[in-house]
Amino acid sequence: MRLHPWIVVLSLVGCKASHPGVDLGSTPDGGNTPGLTAVASCTEGLVGLRISCDGQQSSDAAGRALTFAWSVTGTPDKSTDSSTGSGSSFSFAPKIGGTYEVTLVVSNSDGGSSIAKAGALADTVPLFYRQSTITKSSDSFAVGIVNSDGTGAHLLSCPVMIADPSNGDAGAGNRGTYADTPGAVGTRVWYRPNNLPAVVAFENVTASEHQLLVNNEDGDCSSRPAVRLDATPAAQHLMPRFSPSGARVAWIDVASPGSLQTAALDGSDRRVVRTAAKLKNAPPVWVDETHLSWVEDASADMTPHLQIASAVDAAGAGDSARSTLLDCNPAADPSALTVINQFERSASGLVVAGGLKSRTANPPGATLLYRMAASGCSTTAATVLADEPGGSYAWDFALSPDGVTLVYSAVEGPGAGAQDLWLVSIDGSVPPSRFVGSAPGVNDIGPVWIADGKQISWTQVAADGSAHGGGLMVANRDGTGVRSVLTQGGSSAADIYVVGATNRGLDCSAAGTGVAVGDALLLLGAVFFFRRRRRA
C-alpha cells in the first residue's frame, strides 16, 4: 500500500470589492400624494448575514401618520424573494452575492402613497479548497476556489493524476479518507485589503517531485497558472504561512535535515532561515512582517526538549541569532509540554495546542489548549482553555481577528467518535461551548475565521471517513446561516472529497520520544494520513 501525496493549501482570503448601497430614488405611483415622500436606503451586507434598510427619512408635509411596506423586488439571479416587512426599518438575509432591489411603499392616513427603491449589495468571500477524486485505479488532486454563496467554483490548478495499478487500489476497491487527516493539510486564511485578490499557496505533487505553488483568485491552470515558490528539485513542504501583509510565504521543507524557508509571492528572494534543527511538524508563525517563529526539538537525546524560537526573516538568521520564546524542558520541569501541535501569538501571550503525550502515544495523551504563563512552559501554571467538555482532543484552533475568541475542533464527548467545533474566550473567563453550527455525528474540522471574524468556514465529513457530509461549510459567528458551499460526493466509481482551509498541525512524537520532521512525516502517513476503507 502506498502513501498518497497530499495537497497543502494556504489561503489568503479577502472579501470581494465593496460598494455602497445604491439609492434608486423615489418613484411615484399613480396614487402619489403631493408632499408625501418615500426615502429608502440599505447598508451593504454579506451573504449569510442580514442586510438592513431604513425608511426613517420618509416624510409627509402635512404631518399625517405613516405606514411602511417593504419587499425585495429584485435579486441578482432574477429569482423571487418572499422577504417583506413593515415599520420604518427592514432587514433580509441575502442568499447569493450581488445587488438586490428593495422597494418601500409609504402610505399616509388619508390613503396617499409614495414608492422608493434602493439597491442593496451582498458581498461574498472567496474560499479556497482542495479536491481529491479517488477511483479504484487512480487518484487526482486539484486546488479550487468558490464564493461563500456556493457560486463561481473553479479550479486554480489542473488535476494531478496518480495511477499505479500495483499499489493495491486497483480491483480491491480501497479508498482513502482525505478530509479527517490531522496534520495532513496545513492551511490558513488571512485577509488582504479589499482591492487586492485573495491568494492561495499549495503543494503540487508530480511523478518526480513536490512543488510549492501560489496563485490568486483570478488564476486558472492554463492561461493564468500558478507561480513556483520553492527551489527545484524539491522535497515535501509543510504548513505554508503568509506574512501579515501577504507579501511573503514561509514553509518547512522536509529535505534532510529540514529547513525553514521563505520567499516572495513571485518566487523571488528565497531565504533559508533555519537549518540543522529537528523542526517539528507545527506551522511556523509570523511574529510580524519581518520575524518568524517556529517549533524545534533542542534535545541531545531522544527525550523531547521543545523550544519555540524566533528570528528575523533573513538567510541563516535562525542558525546564528535566534531567540527563545518558550523553553519546554522536561528535565528541568516535569510538567513541561513534550508535544506542540500548533501555537499562535496574541496580545494575551502564546496559545499552544499540545500536552505531555501525543494522541499517537500508547497510552495516548490528551491534547489540550493552553495559554502559557509568561515565558514558562509548565502545564500546571498555564491556563487550560479547552478541557471538558470536548477538550480531550482539543486542537486545530484559530484565533478570531479581534484576538478575543478561539474556535477549535474536538471530540463531541467521552467515547464519541465524531468531532465538533467549540468556542472559548482567550482569557479563559468563558468556558468552552459547542459551536451550534456543528452537526452531531459527523466530523466538523478545520475551522477558520472569514469575513473579518463575522463568519466561520470549516470542513464537514462523515465520521466513518466516507465521501459524505456537508463538505465545505460556512456559518455566521452566532451559528446562524449554516450552509454547505461545496459538498462531498461522487459515485460508485469514484469518491470526491472537498476539503477547505485548516490550521492543524501534528507532532507525531510518541510519549517521551523526539522525532525530526522527516521521521514525523513517516509516522503521519502510517498512523493518520489514510484511514483506508474497502468498497464492496
Protein backbone atom coordinates (compact mmCIF):
# COMPACT_ATOMS: atom_id res chain seq x y z
CA MET A 1 0.00 0.00 0.00
CA ARG A 2 1.44 3.33 -0.95
CA LEU A 3 1.05 6.55 0.97
CA HIS A 4 -0.68 9.03 -1.26
CA PRO A 5 0.77 12.55 -1.52
CA TRP A 6 -1.43 15.37 -0.40
CA ILE A 7 -2.07 18.93 -1.30
CA VAL A 8 -1.07 21.56 1.25
CA VAL A 9 -3.23 24.63 0.90
CA LEU A 10 -2.61 28.02 2.46
CA SER A 11 -5.38 30.51 1.89
CA LEU A 12 -5.06 34.27 1.86
CA VAL A 13 -8.62 35.42 1.61
CA GLY A 14 -10.21 38.85 1.19
CA CYS A 15 -13.76 39.96 0.69
CA LYS A 16 -14.91 40.94 -2.75
CA ALA A 17 -14.61 44.63 -3.56
CA SER A 18 -17.27 46.53 -1.64
CA HIS A 19 -19.73 49.12 -2.93
CA PRO A 20 -22.21 51.32 -1.08
CA GLY A 21 -25.92 50.67 -1.29
CA VAL A 22 -27.38 52.23 -4.43
CA ASP A 23 -30.27 54.61 -3.84
CA LEU A 24 -32.57 54.19 -6.85
CA GLY A 25 -34.59 57.21 -5.78
CA SER A 26 -38.28 57.77 -5.14
CA THR A 27 -40.59 56.62 -7.89
CA PRO A 28 -44.17 57.97 -7.56
CA ASP A 29 -47.03 55.65 -8.48
CA GLY A 30 -50.45 56.58 -9.78
CA GLY A 31 -51.71 57.35 -6.30
CA ASN A 32 -48.81 59.59 -5.29
CA THR A 33 -49.82 62.32 -2.89
CA PRO A 34 -48.15 65.72 -3.10
CA GLY A 35 -45.96 66.34 -0.07
CA LEU A 36 -45.61 62.63 0.70
CA THR A 37 -42.07 61.37 0.02
CA ALA A 38 -40.72 57.86 0.47
CA VAL A 39 -36.97 57.58 1.03
CA ALA A 40 -35.22 54.20 1.32
CA SER A 41 -31.58 53.33 1.88
CA CYS A 42 -29.85 49.99 2.55
CA THR A 43 -26.47 49.12 4.01
CA GLU A 44 -24.00 46.87 2.29
CA GLY A 45 -24.12 43.32 3.62
CA LEU A 46 -22.68 39.84 3.39
CA VAL A 47 -24.32 36.65 2.21
CA GLY A 48 -25.49 34.83 5.32
CA LEU A 49 -25.86 37.99 7.39
CA ARG A 50 -28.86 40.27 7.34
CA ILE A 51 -28.87 43.49 5.32
CA SER A 52 -30.57 46.46 7.00
CA CYS A 53 -32.70 49.04 5.21
CA ASP A 54 -34.04 52.30 6.60
CA GLY A 55 -37.01 54.44 5.66
CA GLN A 56 -36.96 56.96 8.52
CA GLN A 57 -36.18 59.85 6.18
CA SER A 58 -39.58 59.42 4.56
CA SER A 59 -41.90 62.36 5.30
CA ASP A 60 -45.34 63.83 4.87
CA ALA A 61 -45.58 67.63 4.57
CA ALA A 62 -48.96 67.63 6.35
CA GLY A 63 -47.61 65.60 9.25
CA ARG A 64 -50.00 62.70 8.75
CA ALA A 65 -49.17 59.29 10.26
CA LEU A 66 -47.19 57.00 8.02
CA THR A 67 -47.15 53.25 7.46
CA PHE A 68 -44.40 51.31 5.71
CA ALA A 69 -44.45 48.23 3.48
CA TRP A 70 -41.14 46.66 2.39
CA SER A 71 -40.42 43.92 -0.13
CA VAL A 72 -37.47 42.54 -2.06
CA THR A 73 -38.46 43.04 -5.69
CA GLY A 74 -35.24 42.11 -7.50
CA THR A 75 -32.43 39.61 -6.93
CA PRO A 76 -29.08 39.08 -8.68
CA ASP A 77 -30.19 35.78 -10.23
CA LYS A 78 -33.66 37.11 -11.18
CA SER A 79 -35.29 34.73 -8.72
CA THR A 80 -38.05 35.68 -6.31
CA ASP A 81 -37.56 36.59 -2.67
CA SER A 82 -40.55 36.49 -0.31
CA SER A 83 -38.98 38.78 2.30
CA THR A 84 -41.40 41.51 3.39
CA GLY A 85 -41.72 43.79 6.39
CA SER A 86 -43.41 46.77 7.97
CA GLY A 87 -42.13 49.57 10.10
CA SER A 88 -39.61 52.27 9.32
CA SER A 89 -36.76 49.75 9.16
CA PHE A 90 -36.41 46.38 7.43
CA SER A 91 -33.85 43.60 7.09
CA PHE A 92 -33.46 40.48 4.97
CA ALA A 93 -30.89 37.69 4.53
CA PRO A 94 -29.39 37.53 1.01
CA LYS A 95 -28.78 34.04 -0.31
CA ILE A 96 -26.38 34.87 -3.16
CA GLY A 97 -23.97 37.69 -3.84
CA GLY A 98 -24.89 40.71 -5.95
CA THR A 99 -27.24 43.70 -5.90
CA TYR A 100 -30.80 43.35 -4.62
CA GLU A 101 -33.65 45.75 -5.35
CA VAL A 102 -35.67 46.68 -2.28
CA THR A 103 -38.99 48.52 -2.63
CA LEU A 104 -40.57 50.68 0.07
CA VAL A 105 -44.17 51.84 -0.14
CA VAL A 106 -45.02 54.63 2.31
CA SER A 107 -48.70 55.42 2.94
CA ASN A 108 -50.34 58.17 4.97
CA SER A 109 -53.54 58.09 6.97
CA ASP A 110 -55.53 59.54 4.06
CA GLY A 111 -54.62 56.66 1.74
CA GLY A 112 -51.94 58.50 -0.22
CA SER A 113 -48.74 56.62 -1.08
CA SER A 114 -45.22 57.08 -2.40
CA ILE A 115 -42.70 54.49 -3.56
CA ALA A 116 -38.91 54.40 -3.22
CA LYS A 117 -36.46 51.77 -4.40
CA ALA A 118 -32.98 51.13 -3.05
CA GLY A 119 -30.17 48.84 -4.12
CA ALA A 120 -28.55 46.57 -1.50
CA LEU A 121 -25.24 44.91 -2.29
CA ALA A 122 -24.48 41.49 -0.76
CA ASP A 123 -20.79 40.60 -0.78
CA THR A 124 -19.24 37.14 -0.79
CA VAL A 125 -15.93 35.81 0.48
CA PRO A 126 -13.71 33.72 -1.83
CA LEU A 127 -12.85 30.38 -0.23
CA PHE A 128 -10.09 28.01 -1.34
CA TYR A 129 -10.43 24.25 -1.27
CA ARG A 130 -8.63 21.11 -2.38
CA GLN A 131 -10.49 18.47 -4.33
CA SER A 132 -9.45 14.82 -4.38
CA THR A 133 -11.10 12.34 -6.74
CA ILE A 134 -10.39 8.74 -5.75
CA THR A 135 -11.06 5.78 -8.05
CA LYS A 136 -10.01 2.14 -8.00
CA SER A 137 -7.11 2.69 -10.38
CA SER A 138 -6.08 6.32 -9.96
CA ASP A 139 -6.36 9.39 -7.78
CA SER A 140 -6.38 13.04 -8.82
CA PHE A 141 -5.80 16.22 -6.85
CA ALA A 142 -6.55 19.87 -7.59
CA VAL A 143 -7.00 23.22 -5.82
CA GLY A 144 -10.01 25.42 -6.48
CA ILE A 145 -11.88 28.49 -5.33
CA VAL A 146 -15.56 29.12 -4.67
CA ASN A 147 -17.58 32.08 -3.40
CA SER A 148 -19.13 31.79 0.05
CA ASP A 149 -22.59 31.65 -1.56
CA GLY A 150 -21.59 28.48 -3.44
CA THR A 151 -21.25 30.16 -6.84
CA GLY A 152 -18.28 30.54 -9.15
CA ALA A 153 -16.47 27.33 -8.23
CA HIS A 154 -13.50 26.66 -10.49
CA LEU A 155 -10.07 25.04 -10.30
CA LEU A 156 -6.90 27.08 -9.91
CA SER A 157 -4.65 24.12 -10.66
CA CYS A 158 -5.04 21.39 -13.22
CA PRO A 159 -5.81 18.00 -11.64
CA VAL A 160 -2.72 15.90 -10.99
CA MET A 161 -3.46 12.27 -11.84
CA ILE A 162 -1.69 9.47 -10.00
CA ALA A 163 -2.18 5.98 -11.41
CA ASP A 164 -0.40 2.87 -10.16
CA PRO A 165 -2.19 -0.47 -10.59
CA SER A 166 0.39 -2.15 -8.38
CA ASN A 167 -0.41 -0.09 -5.30
CA GLY A 168 -3.33 -2.22 -4.17
CA ASP A 169 -6.06 0.26 -5.15
CA ALA A 170 -6.88 -1.41 -8.47
CA GLY A 171 -9.59 -4.02 -8.24
CA ALA A 172 -9.59 -4.11 -4.44
CA GLY A 173 -11.80 -1.06 -4.21
CA ASN A 174 -9.81 0.66 -1.47
CA ARG A 175 -10.49 4.29 -0.75
CA GLY A 176 -8.62 6.90 1.22
CA THR A 177 -10.03 9.28 3.75
CA TYR A 178 -8.83 12.68 2.65
CA ALA A 179 -10.60 15.00 4.99
CA ASP A 180 -10.25 13.97 8.62
CA THR A 181 -6.46 13.74 8.45
CA PRO A 182 -4.88 15.75 11.26
CA GLY A 183 -1.58 17.19 10.13
CA ALA A 184 -2.00 16.16 6.52
CA VAL A 185 -3.01 19.60 5.33
CA GLY A 186 -1.73 22.88 6.68
CA THR A 187 -3.99 25.65 5.54
CA ARG A 188 -4.56 29.14 6.77
CA VAL A 189 -6.91 32.00 5.93
CA TRP A 190 -5.78 35.61 6.09
CA TYR A 191 -7.26 38.88 4.89
CA ARG A 192 -5.86 41.42 2.48
CA PRO A 193 -7.27 44.86 1.60
CA ASN A 194 -10.45 44.62 -0.45
CA ASN A 195 -8.81 45.91 -3.62
CA LEU A 196 -6.34 43.01 -3.71
CA PRO A 197 -7.14 39.47 -4.86
CA ALA A 198 -7.15 36.53 -2.50
CA VAL A 199 -4.10 34.28 -2.84
CA VAL A 200 -3.51 30.58 -2.22
CA ALA A 201 -0.27 28.65 -1.78
CA PHE A 202 -0.43 24.89 -2.26
CA GLU A 203 1.70 21.83 -2.80
CA ASN A 204 1.50 20.16 -6.19
CA VAL A 205 2.81 16.60 -6.49
CA THR A 206 4.18 15.33 -9.80
CA ALA A 207 5.70 11.97 -10.70
CA SER A 208 9.16 13.26 -9.83
CA GLU A 209 8.87 15.99 -7.19
CA HIS A 210 6.82 18.18 -4.89
CA GLN A 211 6.18 21.79 -5.94
CA LEU A 212 5.09 24.68 -3.73
CA LEU A 213 2.95 26.98 -5.88
CA VAL A 214 0.99 30.20 -5.43
CA ASN A 215 -1.95 31.58 -7.38
CA ASN A 216 -4.63 34.22 -6.80
CA GLU A 217 -8.40 34.06 -7.09
CA ASP A 218 -8.28 35.22 -10.72
CA GLY A 219 -5.94 32.42 -11.77
CA ASP A 220 -6.57 29.12 -13.52
CA CYS A 221 -4.49 26.12 -14.51
CA SER A 222 -3.74 27.19 -18.08
CA SER A 223 -3.88 30.87 -19.05
CA ARG A 224 -3.09 32.19 -15.56
CA PRO A 225 -1.06 29.39 -13.97
CA ALA A 226 0.45 29.31 -10.52
CA VAL A 227 3.92 30.66 -9.69
CA ARG A 228 6.50 28.36 -8.12
CA LEU A 229 7.94 29.40 -4.76
CA ASP A 230 10.41 26.65 -3.93
CA ALA A 231 13.71 25.61 -5.47
CA THR A 232 13.97 22.59 -7.76
CA PRO A 233 14.07 19.68 -7.27
CA ALA A 234 12.09 19.79 -4.05
CA ALA A 235 11.06 17.58 -1.17
CA GLN A 236 7.74 17.87 0.61
CA HIS A 237 6.63 21.16 2.10
CA LEU A 238 4.72 21.66 5.33
CA MET A 239 2.45 24.36 6.67
CA PRO A 240 2.97 27.37 4.37
CA ARG A 241 2.01 30.66 6.03
CA PHE A 242 1.64 34.16 4.61
CA SER A 243 3.24 37.13 6.32
CA PRO A 244 0.79 39.68 7.78
CA SER A 245 0.86 41.79 4.59
CA GLY A 246 0.66 38.74 2.34
CA ALA A 247 3.92 39.69 0.63
CA ARG A 248 5.90 36.59 1.68
CA VAL A 249 5.30 32.91 2.41
CA ALA A 250 7.11 30.77 5.00
CA TRP A 251 7.18 26.96 4.97
CA ILE A 252 9.05 23.93 6.27
CA ASP A 253 11.00 21.90 3.69
CA VAL A 254 11.43 18.33 4.90
CA ALA A 255 14.57 17.53 2.87
CA SER A 256 17.13 16.31 5.42
CA PRO A 257 17.99 17.89 7.78
CA GLY A 258 14.91 20.04 7.24
CA SER A 259 14.76 23.82 6.89
CA LEU A 260 12.51 26.82 7.41
CA GLN A 261 12.30 28.81 4.18
CA THR A 262 10.59 31.95 2.91
CA ALA A 263 10.02 33.58 -0.48
CA ALA A 264 8.19 36.49 -2.09
CA LEU A 265 4.92 35.79 -3.89
CA ASP A 266 6.64 35.84 -7.28
CA GLY A 267 9.11 33.20 -6.13
CA SER A 268 12.00 35.64 -5.82
CA ASP A 269 14.12 36.50 -2.78
CA ARG A 270 14.09 32.95 -1.44
CA ARG A 271 15.70 32.59 2.01
CA VAL A 272 16.66 29.63 4.19
CA VAL A 273 16.05 30.99 7.68
CA ARG A 274 16.75 27.89 9.79
CA THR A 275 18.62 24.62 9.12
CA ALA A 276 20.40 21.90 11.13
CA ALA A 277 17.48 21.51 13.54
CA LYS A 278 14.82 18.95 14.37
CA LEU A 279 11.97 21.13 13.16
CA LYS A 280 8.63 19.94 14.47
CA ASN A 281 5.55 19.47 12.35
CA ALA A 282 3.81 22.57 13.70
CA PRO A 283 3.01 25.54 11.46
CA PRO A 284 5.51 28.42 11.60
CA VAL A 285 4.06 31.72 12.81
CA TRP A 286 4.96 35.22 11.66
CA VAL A 287 5.70 37.43 14.69
CA ASP A 288 5.42 40.45 12.41
CA GLU A 289 6.27 41.27 8.80
CA THR A 290 9.99 40.67 9.29
CA HIS A 291 10.22 37.99 12.03
CA LEU A 292 9.29 34.30 12.17
CA SER A 293 8.77 31.82 14.99
CA TRP A 294 8.72 28.01 14.86
CA VAL A 295 8.93 24.84 16.97
CA GLU A 296 12.07 22.70 17.16
CA ASP A 297 13.45 19.94 19.36
CA ALA A 298 16.61 21.14 21.14
CA SER A 299 17.33 17.84 22.90
CA ALA A 300 20.63 15.99 22.63
CA ASP A 301 18.97 12.59 23.03
CA MET A 302 15.54 11.04 22.40
CA THR A 303 13.84 12.96 25.21
CA PRO A 304 11.97 15.95 23.76
CA HIS A 305 13.22 19.40 24.73
CA LEU A 306 10.94 21.62 22.70
CA GLN A 307 11.51 25.30 22.03
CA ILE A 308 9.50 27.94 20.24
CA ALA A 309 12.24 30.00 18.64
CA SER A 310 12.21 33.26 16.70
CA ALA A 311 14.47 35.05 14.25
CA VAL A 312 14.40 37.73 11.60
CA ASP A 313 13.31 36.69 8.11
CA ALA A 314 16.84 36.56 6.70
CA ALA A 315 19.11 33.84 5.35
CA GLY A 316 20.75 31.94 8.21
CA ALA A 317 19.26 34.15 10.93
CA GLY A 318 17.68 31.18 12.70
CA ASP A 319 21.01 29.38 12.83
CA SER A 320 23.05 32.24 14.24
CA ALA A 321 20.83 34.76 16.02
CA ARG A 322 17.58 33.13 17.10
CA SER A 323 15.85 33.91 20.37
CA THR A 324 13.72 31.58 22.51
CA LEU A 325 10.08 32.49 23.10
CA LEU A 326 9.19 29.32 25.02
CA ASP A 327 11.52 26.70 26.50
CA CYS A 328 9.91 23.33 27.30
CA ASN A 329 12.50 21.15 29.03
CA PRO A 330 11.08 18.17 30.97
CA ALA A 331 14.46 17.64 32.63
CA ALA A 332 14.03 21.00 34.36
CA ASP A 333 10.24 20.87 34.74
CA PRO A 334 8.39 17.51 34.55
CA SER A 335 5.15 19.38 33.76
CA ALA A 336 6.64 20.98 30.62
CA LEU A 337 5.00 20.33 27.28
CA THR A 338 6.51 17.47 25.29
CA VAL A 339 4.13 17.85 22.33
CA ILE A 340 3.26 21.07 20.49
CA ASN A 341 0.86 20.59 17.59
CA GLN A 342 0.17 24.26 16.93
CA PHE A 343 0.78 27.65 18.51
CA GLU A 344 -0.32 31.22 17.92
CA ARG A 345 0.73 34.57 19.32
CA SER A 346 -1.82 37.00 20.71
CA ALA A 347 -1.90 40.08 22.91
CA SER A 348 -2.59 37.69 25.79
CA GLY A 349 0.53 35.62 25.11
CA LEU A 350 1.25 32.28 23.50
CA VAL A 351 -1.65 29.89 22.90
CA VAL A 352 -0.50 26.29 22.41
CA ALA A 353 -2.24 23.07 21.45
CA GLY A 354 -0.23 20.23 22.96
CA GLY A 355 0.35 18.10 26.01
CA LEU A 356 2.65 15.79 27.91
CA LYS A 357 1.98 12.96 25.47
CA SER A 358 0.61 12.87 21.93
CA ARG A 359 -2.54 11.23 20.65
CA THR A 360 -0.35 8.60 18.97
CA ALA A 361 1.34 7.58 22.24
CA ASN A 362 0.43 4.32 23.93
CA PRO A 363 -1.46 5.05 26.05
CA PRO A 364 -2.43 8.25 24.27
CA GLY A 365 -2.25 11.61 25.97
CA ALA A 366 -4.75 14.43 25.91
CA THR A 367 -4.19 17.30 23.53
CA LEU A 368 -5.31 20.39 25.41
CA LEU A 369 -5.42 24.06 24.56
CA TYR A 370 -3.22 26.17 26.85
CA ARG A 371 -2.47 29.85 27.28
CA MET A 372 1.06 29.79 28.60
CA ALA A 373 2.02 31.79 31.67
CA ALA A 374 4.72 34.36 30.83
CA SER A 375 7.65 32.58 29.18
CA GLY A 376 7.30 29.40 31.25
CA CYS A 377 6.32 26.04 29.78
CA SER A 378 4.68 24.48 32.83
CA THR A 379 1.30 22.94 32.05
CA THR A 380 0.31 23.35 35.71
CA ALA A 381 0.99 27.10 35.63
CA ALA A 382 -0.67 27.57 32.25
CA THR A 383 -4.35 28.38 31.81
CA VAL A 384 -6.19 25.41 30.32
CA LEU A 385 -8.58 26.97 27.81
CA ALA A 386 -10.06 23.76 26.41
CA ASP A 387 -10.60 20.79 28.69
CA GLU A 388 -14.09 19.49 29.33
CA PRO A 389 -16.48 19.32 27.64
CA GLY A 390 -14.87 18.27 24.41
CA GLY A 391 -11.36 19.11 25.50
CA SER A 392 -9.78 15.68 25.50
CA TYR A 393 -8.63 16.22 21.94
CA ALA A 394 -8.66 19.98 21.56
CA TRP A 395 -6.58 21.25 18.68
CA ASP A 396 -6.77 22.68 15.18
CA PHE A 397 -7.67 26.10 16.50
CA ALA A 398 -8.00 29.58 15.03
CA LEU A 399 -7.87 32.92 16.84
CA SER A 400 -10.51 35.46 15.88
CA PRO A 401 -9.27 38.66 14.18
CA ASP A 402 -10.11 40.70 17.29
CA GLY A 403 -8.00 38.32 19.41
CA VAL A 404 -10.86 37.52 21.80
CA THR A 405 -12.23 34.11 20.80
CA LEU A 406 -10.74 30.76 19.79
CA VAL A 407 -12.57 28.24 17.62
CA TYR A 408 -11.20 24.70 17.68
CA SER A 409 -12.06 21.12 16.75
CA ALA A 410 -12.58 18.48 19.44
CA VAL A 411 -14.40 15.21 20.03
CA GLU A 412 -18.07 15.54 20.87
CA GLY A 413 -17.67 13.97 24.29
CA PRO A 414 -16.34 10.96 26.19
CA GLY A 415 -16.41 7.89 23.97
CA ALA A 416 -17.64 9.83 20.94
CA GLY A 417 -16.03 9.18 17.58
CA ALA A 418 -17.03 12.39 15.85
CA GLN A 419 -15.71 15.92 16.24
CA ASP A 420 -17.48 19.24 16.75
CA LEU A 421 -16.34 22.85 16.68
CA TRP A 422 -16.07 24.64 20.02
CA LEU A 423 -15.67 28.27 21.03
CA VAL A 424 -13.74 29.57 24.06
CA SER A 425 -12.60 33.01 25.19
CA ILE A 426 -8.84 33.50 25.12
CA ASP A 427 -8.78 34.82 28.68
CA GLY A 428 -10.50 31.68 29.95
CA SER A 429 -13.31 33.66 31.55
CA VAL A 430 -15.97 31.88 29.46
CA PRO A 431 -15.82 28.06 29.35
CA PRO A 432 -15.90 26.19 26.03
CA SER A 433 -19.25 25.99 24.30
CA ARG A 434 -20.18 23.87 21.32
CA PHE A 435 -20.50 25.94 18.15
CA VAL A 436 -24.13 25.47 17.19
CA GLY A 437 -23.21 25.37 13.52
CA SER A 438 -21.65 21.95 14.12
CA ALA A 439 -23.65 18.82 13.33
CA PRO A 440 -23.70 15.89 15.78
CA GLY A 441 -22.44 12.56 14.48
CA VAL A 442 -20.17 13.94 11.77
CA ASN A 443 -16.67 15.37 11.84
CA ASP A 444 -16.58 19.17 11.81
CA ILE A 445 -12.90 20.05 11.37
CA GLY A 446 -10.54 22.75 10.14
CA PRO A 447 -12.27 25.93 11.41
CA VAL A 448 -11.12 29.31 10.10
CA TRP A 449 -12.46 32.82 10.61
CA ILE A 450 -13.64 34.64 7.49
CA ALA A 451 -15.28 37.99 6.76
CA ASP A 452 -13.24 39.77 9.44
CA GLY A 453 -14.49 37.40 12.11
CA LYS A 454 -18.17 37.64 11.23
CA GLN A 455 -18.30 34.10 9.90
CA ILE A 456 -16.57 30.73 10.25
CA SER A 457 -15.72 28.26 7.49
CA TRP A 458 -14.83 24.61 8.05
CA THR A 459 -14.95 21.11 6.55
CA GLN A 460 -17.62 18.55 7.40
CA VAL A 461 -17.21 14.84 6.61
CA ALA A 462 -18.84 11.61 7.67
CA ALA A 463 -17.39 10.14 10.84
CA ASP A 464 -16.65 6.87 9.01
CA GLY A 465 -14.40 8.73 6.55
CA SER A 466 -16.66 8.16 3.55
CA ALA A 467 -17.22 10.83 0.92
CA HIS A 468 -20.37 12.18 2.51
CA GLY A 469 -21.21 15.10 4.74
CA GLY A 470 -21.55 18.79 4.08
CA GLY A 471 -18.08 19.33 2.64
CA LEU A 472 -17.06 22.98 2.69
CA MET A 473 -19.25 24.75 5.25
CA VAL A 474 -19.94 28.38 6.24
CA ALA A 475 -21.93 29.84 9.15
CA ASN A 476 -22.26 33.13 10.98
CA ARG A 477 -20.38 33.71 14.23
CA ASP A 478 -23.56 33.08 16.25
CA GLY A 479 -24.17 29.75 14.47
CA THR A 480 -26.95 31.01 12.19
CA GLY A 481 -26.92 30.82 8.41
CA VAL A 482 -25.32 27.35 8.27
CA ARG A 483 -24.86 26.20 4.70
CA SER A 484 -22.86 23.80 2.58
CA VAL A 485 -20.88 25.62 -0.11
CA LEU A 486 -19.40 22.54 -1.80
CA THR A 487 -20.49 19.04 -0.85
CA GLN A 488 -18.59 15.78 -0.67
CA GLY A 489 -19.85 13.21 -3.10
CA GLY A 490 -19.05 11.02 -6.03
CA SER A 491 -20.44 7.77 -7.35
CA SER A 492 -19.89 4.04 -7.14
CA ALA A 493 -16.84 4.52 -9.36
CA ALA A 494 -15.21 7.42 -7.54
CA ASP A 495 -15.20 9.31 -4.24
CA ILE A 496 -14.85 13.09 -4.37
CA TYR A 497 -13.51 14.79 -1.25
CA VAL A 498 -13.65 18.57 -0.83
CA VAL A 499 -11.55 19.99 1.99
CA GLY A 500 -11.39 23.66 2.94
CA ALA A 501 -8.95 25.64 5.00
CA THR A 502 -7.47 24.39 8.27
CA ASN A 503 -4.87 25.42 10.81
CA ARG A 504 -3.99 21.98 12.05
CA GLY A 505 -0.52 20.62 12.64
CA LEU A 506 0.58 17.36 14.15
CA ASP A 507 3.57 16.41 16.25
CA CYS A 508 3.76 12.65 15.84
CA SER A 509 6.09 12.13 18.80
CA ALA A 510 5.33 9.10 20.90
CA ALA A 511 5.48 9.64 24.64
CA GLY A 512 8.99 10.62 25.64
CA THR A 513 10.33 10.47 22.08
CA GLY A 514 11.51 13.36 19.97
CA VAL A 515 11.05 12.94 16.21
CA ALA A 516 12.64 15.04 13.49
CA VAL A 517 10.44 16.39 10.71
CA GLY A 518 11.31 13.62 8.27
CA ASP A 519 10.51 10.90 10.82
CA ALA A 520 7.31 12.66 11.81
CA LEU A 521 6.13 12.53 8.21
CA LEU A 522 6.61 8.78 8.09
CA LEU A 523 4.62 8.35 11.27
CA LEU A 524 1.97 10.71 9.99
CA GLY A 525 1.48 8.69 6.85
CA ALA A 526 1.47 5.38 8.68
CA VAL A 527 -0.80 6.39 11.53
CA PHE A 528 -3.15 9.12 10.33
CA PHE A 529 -2.96 10.11 6.74
CA PHE A 530 -5.16 7.49 5.20
CA ARG A 531 -7.67 5.52 7.13
CA ARG A 532 -8.47 3.04 4.38
CA ARG A 533 -11.89 1.61 3.79
CA ARG A 534 -12.98 -1.03 1.31
CA ARG A 535 -15.85 -0.61 -1.12
CA ALA A 536 -17.73 -3.75 -1.96
